[in-house]
Amino acid sequence: MNNQSQAALATIAAFLVLFSAMIDPRASVVLALVGLLSFSVYKLLWAPR
């Protein structure tokens, strides 16, 4: 995954968290944590170095 696609995914995730915060703040927190954890696991385990 190159930097441009990582930036696009981060932007999509940020908008998703932002809009879900308007509906349910708890769901927004859960969504943000799941996204952050999955991205960090990807970067640590599967991203080429």
C-alpha atoms as a PDB file:
ATOM      1  CA  MET A   1       0.000   0.000   0.000  1.00  0.00           C
ATOM      2  CA  ASN A   2       1.513   3.329  -1.013  1.00  0.00           C
ATOM      3  CA  ASN A   3       1.314   6.633   0.843  1.00  0.00           C
ATOM      4  CA  GLN A   4      -1.512   7.979  -1.309  1.00  0.00           C
ATOM      5  CA  SER A   5      -3.803   5.038  -0.607  1.00  0.00           C
ATOM      6  CA  GLN A   6      -2.942   5.167   3.097  1.00  0.00           C
ATOM      7  CA  ALA A   7      -3.863   8.837   3.169  1.00  0.00           C
ATOM      8  CA  ALA A   8      -7.145   8.121   1.375  1.00  0.00           C
ATOM      9  CA  LEU A   9      -8.050   5.358   3.837  1.00  0.00           C
ATOM     10  CA  ALA A  10      -7.178   7.591   6.784  1.00  0.00           C
ATOM     11  CA  THR A  11      -9.372  10.365   5.396  1.00  0.00           C
ATOM     12  CA  ILE A  12     -12.295   8.005   4.823  1.00  0.00           C
ATOM     13  CA  ALA A  13     -11.921   6.627   8.339  1.00  0.00           C
ATOM     14  CA  ALA A  14     -11.818  10.141   9.804  1.00  0.00           C
ATOM     15  CA  PHE A  15     -15.029  11.141   8.011  1.00  0.00           C
ATOM     16  CA  LEU A  16     -16.707   7.906   9.063  1.00  0.00           C
ATOM     17  CA  VAL A  17     -15.838   8.548  12.712  1.00  0.00           C
ATOM     18  CA  LEU A  18     -16.911  12.182  12.422  1.00  0.00           C
ATOM     19  CA  PHE A  19     -20.322  11.349  10.988  1.00  0.00           C
ATOM     20  CA  SER A  20     -20.911   8.440  13.348  1.00  0.00           C
ATOM     21  CA  ALA A  21     -20.212  10.773  16.285  1.00  0.00           C
ATOM     22  CA  MET A  22     -23.286  12.761  15.301  1.00  0.00           C
ATOM     23  CA  ILE A  23     -25.431   9.623  15.522  1.00  0.00           C
ATOM     24  CA  ASP A  24     -23.976   7.783  18.519  1.00  0.00           C
ATOM     25  CA  PRO A  25     -20.842   8.880  20.390  1.00  0.00           C
ATOM     26  CA  ARG A  26     -20.181   5.424  21.825  1.00  0.00           C
ATOM     27  CA  ALA A  27     -20.277   3.847  18.395  1.00  0.00           C
ATOM     28  CA  SER A  28     -17.871   6.520  17.208  1.00  0.00           C
ATOM     29  CA  VAL A  29     -15.369   5.640  19.928  1.00  0.00           C
ATOM     30  CA  VAL A  30     -15.620   1.937  19.129  1.00  0.00           C
ATOM     31  CA  LEU A  31     -15.240   2.605  15.417  1.00  0.00           C
ATOM     32  CA  ALA A  32     -12.200   4.815  15.985  1.00  0.00           C
ATOM     33  CA  LEU A  33     -10.518   2.233  18.215  1.00  0.00           C
ATOM     34  CA  VAL A  34     -11.169  -0.623  15.783  1.00  0.00           C
ATOM     35  CA  GLY A  35      -9.799   1.416  12.908  1.00  0.00           C
ATOM     36  CA  LEU A  36      -6.728   2.498  14.830  1.00  0.00           C
ATOM     37  CA  LEU A  37      -5.963  -1.000  16.048  1.00  0.00           C
ATOM     38  CA  SER A  38      -6.456  -2.615  12.653  1.00  0.00           C
ATOM     39  CA  PHE A  39      -4.263  -0.033  10.919  1.00  0.00           C
ATOM     40  CA  SER A  40      -1.503  -0.390  13.516  1.00  0.00           C
ATOM     41  CA  VAL A  41      -1.601  -4.195  13.269  1.00  0.00           C
ATOM     42  CA  TYR A  42      -1.327  -3.904   9.501  1.00  0.00           C
ATOM     43  CA  LYS A  43       1.611  -1.523   9.765  1.00  0.00           C
ATOM     44  CA  LEU A  44       3.402  -3.683  12.321  1.00  0.00           C
ATOM     45  CA  LEU A  45       2.854  -7.115  10.786  1.00  0.00           C
ATOM     46  CA  TRP A  46       2.123  -6.942   7.071  1.00  0.00           C
ATOM     47  CA  ALA A  47       3.501  -3.665   5.767  1.00  0.00           C
ATOM     48  CA  PRO A  48       6.702  -3.993   3.757  1.00  0.00           C
ATOM     49  CA  ARG A  49       9.625  -2.338   5.449  1.00  0.00           C
END
